[in-house]
Amino acid sequence: MIGVVARENAAEQIKQYQKFTVNISDETSMLAMEQAGFISHQEKLERLGVHYEISERTQIPILDACPLVLDCRVDRIVEEDGICHIFAKILERLVAPEFLDEKGHFKNQLFAPTYFMGDGYQRVYRYLDKRVGMKGSFIKKARKKDGKN
């Protein structure tokens, strides 16, 4: 699920075409991503010189600079309080080759995405570091603290 302001161009495009990509960038491509965020027209990629390919599944741009891309199809959209809550199925996950090991497994420790987040008061970029914890590690720590195995 993603949330998009209902009056934005992105929301209108997703409503119309019922498909979209989530291009997840890291800090190296943030200048172009930020500039694109201030342009509300389809030609923004060409205008900024952003290289992309068109998805075979959804015919939506896949940005070369983004190491992880989710190609999605809309299941349903719930509009409430000026926000479109978009529920979607991920059709394909596209990962830059340098983020895959020789067996095709994702190298979690190398991926440091930049997230755009905020509210009506403030919008920020959140940088995730390269720490990696294994599933179950919080339970294991809690058990050790409580003296349980």
C-alpha atoms as a PDB file:
ATOM      1  CA  MET A   1       0.000   0.000   0.000  1.00  0.00           C
ATOM      2  CA  ILE A   2       1.142   3.530  -0.745  1.00  0.00           C
ATOM      3  CA  GLY A   3      -0.463   6.874  -0.044  1.00  0.00           C
ATOM      4  CA  VAL A   4      -0.548   9.720  -2.549  1.00  0.00           C
ATOM      5  CA  VAL A   5      -2.134  13.153  -2.249  1.00  0.00           C
ATOM      6  CA  ALA A   6      -5.347  12.873  -4.289  1.00  0.00           C
ATOM      7  CA  ARG A   7      -4.898  16.146  -6.179  1.00  0.00           C
ATOM      8  CA  GLU A   8      -1.368  15.273  -7.391  1.00  0.00           C
ATOM      9  CA  ASN A   9      -0.583  14.220 -10.946  1.00  0.00           C
ATOM     10  CA  ALA A  10       0.730  10.861  -9.726  1.00  0.00           C
ATOM     11  CA  ALA A  11      -2.622   9.994  -8.163  1.00  0.00           C
ATOM     12  CA  GLU A  12      -4.491  10.902 -11.348  1.00  0.00           C
ATOM     13  CA  GLN A  13      -2.133   8.804 -13.481  1.00  0.00           C
ATOM     14  CA  ILE A  14      -2.392   5.804 -11.164  1.00  0.00           C
ATOM     15  CA  LYS A  15      -6.202   6.058 -11.095  1.00  0.00           C
ATOM     16  CA  GLN A  16      -6.339   6.250 -14.882  1.00  0.00           C
ATOM     17  CA  TYR A  17      -3.853   3.499 -15.769  1.00  0.00           C
ATOM     18  CA  GLN A  18      -4.207   1.248 -12.688  1.00  0.00           C
ATOM     19  CA  LYS A  19      -0.477   0.526 -12.616  1.00  0.00           C
ATOM     20  CA  PHE A  20       2.712   2.181 -11.409  1.00  0.00           C
ATOM     21  CA  THR A  21       6.326   1.620 -10.450  1.00  0.00           C
ATOM     22  CA  VAL A  22       8.002   2.421  -7.165  1.00  0.00           C
ATOM     23  CA  ASN A  23      11.555   3.438  -8.063  1.00  0.00           C
ATOM     24  CA  ILE A  24      13.568   3.277  -4.825  1.00  0.00           C
ATOM     25  CA  SER A  25      16.652   5.449  -4.956  1.00  0.00           C
ATOM     26  CA  ASP A  26      19.703   5.783  -2.813  1.00  0.00           C
ATOM     27  CA  GLU A  27      21.623   8.949  -2.021  1.00  0.00           C
ATOM     28  CA  THR A  28      23.610   8.858  -5.288  1.00  0.00           C
ATOM     29  CA  SER A  29      20.538   9.667  -7.401  1.00  0.00           C
ATOM     30  CA  MET A  30      18.741  12.077  -5.089  1.00  0.00           C
ATOM     31  CA  LEU A  31      19.497  15.284  -7.008  1.00  0.00           C
ATOM     32  CA  ALA A  32      17.556  14.062 -10.039  1.00  0.00           C
ATOM     33  CA  MET A  33      14.814  12.543  -7.859  1.00  0.00           C
ATOM     34  CA  GLU A  34      14.343  15.794  -5.968  1.00  0.00           C
ATOM     35  CA  GLN A  35      14.284  17.857  -9.157  1.00  0.00           C
ATOM     36  CA  ALA A  36      11.726  15.470 -10.663  1.00  0.00           C
ATOM     37  CA  GLY A  37       9.529  15.938  -7.614  1.00  0.00           C
ATOM     38  CA  PHE A  38       9.113  19.612  -8.458  1.00  0.00           C
ATOM     39  CA  ILE A  39       8.065  18.966 -12.066  1.00  0.00           C
ATOM     40  CA  SER A  40       4.524  17.747 -12.644  1.00  0.00           C
ATOM     41  CA  HIS A  41       4.640  16.730 -16.273  1.00  0.00           C
ATOM     42  CA  GLN A  42       5.285  13.545 -18.194  1.00  0.00           C
ATOM     43  CA  GLU A  43       8.341  14.951 -19.992  1.00  0.00           C
ATOM     44  CA  LYS A  44      10.267  15.504 -16.750  1.00  0.00           C
ATOM     45  CA  LEU A  45      12.516  12.477 -17.259  1.00  0.00           C
ATOM     46  CA  GLU A  46      13.753  13.682 -20.631  1.00  0.00           C
ATOM     47  CA  ARG A  47      14.038  17.263 -19.384  1.00  0.00           C
ATOM     48  CA  LEU A  48      16.294  16.150 -16.515  1.00  0.00           C
ATOM     49  CA  GLY A  49      18.273  13.663 -18.588  1.00  0.00           C
ATOM     50  CA  VAL A  50      17.171  10.739 -16.422  1.00  0.00           C
ATOM     51  CA  HIS A  51      17.813   7.429 -18.158  1.00  0.00           C
ATOM     52  CA  TYR A  52      15.052   4.848 -18.014  1.00  0.00           C
ATOM     53  CA  GLU A  53      13.548   1.815 -19.682  1.00  0.00           C
ATOM     54  CA  ILE A  54       9.883   1.016 -20.102  1.00  0.00           C
ATOM     55  CA  SER A  55       8.602  -1.945 -18.075  1.00  0.00           C
ATOM     56  CA  GLU A  56       7.478  -4.870 -20.213  1.00  0.00           C
ATOM     57  CA  ARG A  57       4.753  -5.692 -17.673  1.00  0.00           C
ATOM     58  CA  THR A  58       3.236  -2.265 -17.049  1.00  0.00           C
ATOM     59  CA  GLN A  59       4.718   0.062 -19.718  1.00  0.00           C
ATOM     60  CA  ILE A  60       5.757   2.454 -16.915  1.00  0.00           C
ATOM     61  CA  PRO A  61       9.275   3.978 -16.625  1.00  0.00           C
ATOM     62  CA  ILE A  62      11.929   2.074 -14.682  1.00  0.00           C
ATOM     63  CA  LEU A  63      14.682   4.482 -13.688  1.00  0.00           C
ATOM     64  CA  ASP A  64      18.218   3.196 -14.308  1.00  0.00           C
ATOM     65  CA  ALA A  65      19.582   5.148 -11.331  1.00  0.00           C
ATOM     66  CA  CYS A  66      17.335   3.327  -8.841  1.00  0.00           C
ATOM     67  CA  PRO A  67      18.785   0.084  -7.491  1.00  0.00           C
ATOM     68  CA  LEU A  68      15.377  -1.361  -6.590  1.00  0.00           C
ATOM     69  CA  VAL A  69      12.131  -1.013  -8.537  1.00  0.00           C
ATOM     70  CA  LEU A  70       8.729  -2.484  -7.750  1.00  0.00           C
ATOM     71  CA  ASP A  71       6.459  -2.902 -10.768  1.00  0.00           C
ATOM     72  CA  CYS A  72       2.867  -2.783  -9.479  1.00  0.00           C
ATOM     73  CA  ARG A  73      -0.754  -3.228 -10.526  1.00  0.00           C
ATOM     74  CA  VAL A  74      -3.548  -1.540  -8.567  1.00  0.00           C
ATOM     75  CA  ASP A  75      -5.976  -3.783  -6.684  1.00  0.00           C
ATOM     76  CA  ARG A  76      -8.069  -0.972  -5.204  1.00  0.00           C
ATOM     77  CA  ILE A  77      -7.923   2.690  -4.280  1.00  0.00           C
ATOM     78  CA  VAL A  78      -9.545   4.168  -1.207  1.00  0.00           C
ATOM     79  CA  GLU A  79      -9.719   7.964  -1.221  1.00  0.00           C
ATOM     80  CA  GLU A  80     -10.161   9.593   2.162  1.00  0.00           C
ATOM     81  CA  ASP A  81      -9.333  13.049   3.528  1.00  0.00           C
ATOM     82  CA  GLY A  82      -7.536  14.063   0.333  1.00  0.00           C
ATOM     83  CA  ILE A  83      -5.283  10.991   0.260  1.00  0.00           C
ATOM     84  CA  CYS A  84      -5.470   8.080  -2.168  1.00  0.00           C
ATOM     85  CA  HIS A  85      -4.623   4.873  -0.311  1.00  0.00           C
ATOM     86  CA  ILE A  86      -3.497   2.600  -3.118  1.00  0.00           C
ATOM     87  CA  PHE A  87      -3.485  -1.151  -2.551  1.00  0.00           C
ATOM     88  CA  ALA A  88      -1.461  -2.924  -5.196  1.00  0.00           C
ATOM     89  CA  LYS A  89       0.086  -6.216  -6.176  1.00  0.00           C
ATOM     90  CA  ILE A  90       3.819  -6.263  -6.848  1.00  0.00           C
ATOM     91  CA  LEU A  91       4.169  -7.892 -10.242  1.00  0.00           C
ATOM     92  CA  GLU A  92       7.957  -7.826 -10.351  1.00  0.00           C
ATOM     93  CA  ARG A  93      10.922  -6.739  -8.250  1.00  0.00           C
ATOM     94  CA  LEU A  94      13.815  -5.429 -10.310  1.00  0.00           C
ATOM     95  CA  VAL A  95      17.193  -5.242  -8.594  1.00  0.00           C
ATOM     96  CA  ALA A  96      20.481  -3.773  -9.850  1.00  0.00           C
ATOM     97  CA  PRO A  97      22.988  -6.624 -10.386  1.00  0.00           C
ATOM     98  CA  GLU A  98      25.484  -5.218  -7.864  1.00  0.00           C
ATOM     99  CA  PHE A  99      22.891  -5.823  -5.132  1.00  0.00           C
ATOM    100  CA  LEU A 100      22.680  -9.557  -5.875  1.00  0.00           C
ATOM    101  CA  ASP A 101      25.147 -12.254  -4.858  1.00  0.00           C
ATOM    102  CA  GLU A 102      26.263 -15.088  -7.142  1.00  0.00           C
ATOM    103  CA  LYS A 103      23.129 -17.098  -6.216  1.00  0.00           C
ATOM    104  CA  GLY A 104      20.785 -14.191  -6.932  1.00  0.00           C
ATOM    105  CA  HIS A 105      20.118 -13.403  -3.273  1.00  0.00           C
ATOM    106  CA  PHE A 106      19.667  -9.780  -2.264  1.00  0.00           C
ATOM    107  CA  LYS A 107      22.686  -8.186  -0.523  1.00  0.00           C
ATOM    108  CA  ASN A 108      20.767  -6.425   2.250  1.00  0.00           C
ATOM    109  CA  GLN A 109      23.866  -4.895   3.794  1.00  0.00           C
ATOM    110  CA  LEU A 110      24.646  -2.910   0.628  1.00  0.00           C
ATOM    111  CA  PHE A 111      21.228  -1.370   0.167  1.00  0.00           C
ATOM    112  CA  ALA A 112      20.824   2.067   1.760  1.00  0.00           C
ATOM    113  CA  PRO A 113      17.642   3.606   0.326  1.00  0.00           C
ATOM    114  CA  THR A 114      16.579   7.190   0.829  1.00  0.00           C
ATOM    115  CA  TYR A 115      12.992   7.621   1.961  1.00  0.00           C
ATOM    116  CA  PHE A 116      10.896  10.736   1.438  1.00  0.00           C
ATOM    117  CA  MET A 117       8.550  11.120   4.349  1.00  0.00           C
ATOM    118  CA  GLY A 118       6.678  13.681   6.322  1.00  0.00           C
ATOM    119  CA  ASP A 119       3.402  15.363   6.938  1.00  0.00           C
ATOM    120  CA  GLY A 120       1.763  18.746   6.442  1.00  0.00           C
ATOM    121  CA  TYR A 121       4.285  20.315   8.810  1.00  0.00           C
ATOM    122  CA  GLN A 122       7.583  19.042   7.444  1.00  0.00           C
ATOM    123  CA  ARG A 123       8.848  16.789   4.687  1.00  0.00           C
ATOM    124  CA  VAL A 124      12.249  15.165   4.989  1.00  0.00           C
ATOM    125  CA  TYR A 125      14.571  12.554   3.561  1.00  0.00           C
ATOM    126  CA  ARG A 126      15.337   9.653   5.858  1.00  0.00           C
ATOM    127  CA  TYR A 127      18.625   7.884   5.249  1.00  0.00           C
ATOM    128  CA  LEU A 128      18.873   4.265   6.287  1.00  0.00           C
ATOM    129  CA  ASP A 129      22.293   2.984   7.226  1.00  0.00           C
ATOM    130  CA  LYS A 130      23.828  -0.356   6.355  1.00  0.00           C
ATOM    131  CA  ARG A 131      23.152  -2.159   9.640  1.00  0.00           C
ATOM    132  CA  VAL A 132      21.467  -5.506   9.173  1.00  0.00           C
ATOM    133  CA  GLY A 133      19.760  -7.565  11.870  1.00  0.00           C
ATOM    134  CA  MET A 134      18.497 -11.093  11.426  1.00  0.00           C
ATOM    135  CA  LYS A 135      14.835 -11.967  11.783  1.00  0.00           C
ATOM    136  CA  GLY A 136      14.189 -13.043  15.364  1.00  0.00           C
ATOM    137  CA  SER A 137      17.111 -11.063  16.799  1.00  0.00           C
ATOM    138  CA  PHE A 138      14.882  -8.857  19.001  1.00  0.00           C
ATOM    139  CA  ILE A 139      13.214 -11.887  20.551  1.00  0.00           C
ATOM    140  CA  LYS A 140      16.602 -13.501  21.126  1.00  0.00           C
ATOM    141  CA  LYS A 141      17.912 -10.355  22.873  1.00  0.00           C
ATOM    142  CA  ALA A 142      14.776 -10.124  25.028  1.00  0.00           C
ATOM    143  CA  ARG A 143      15.117 -13.758  26.087  1.00  0.00           C
ATOM    144  CA  LYS A 144      18.771 -13.270  27.023  1.00  0.00           C
ATOM    145  CA  LYS A 145      17.834 -10.198  29.057  1.00  0.00           C
ATOM    146  CA  ASP A 146      15.110 -12.161  30.874  1.00  0.00           C
ATOM    147  CA  GLY A 147      17.460 -15.108  31.458  1.00  0.00           C
ATOM    148  CA  LYS A 148      15.477 -17.421  29.177  1.00  0.00           C
ATOM    149  CA  ASN A 149      16.917 -19.537  26.397  1.00  0.00           C
END
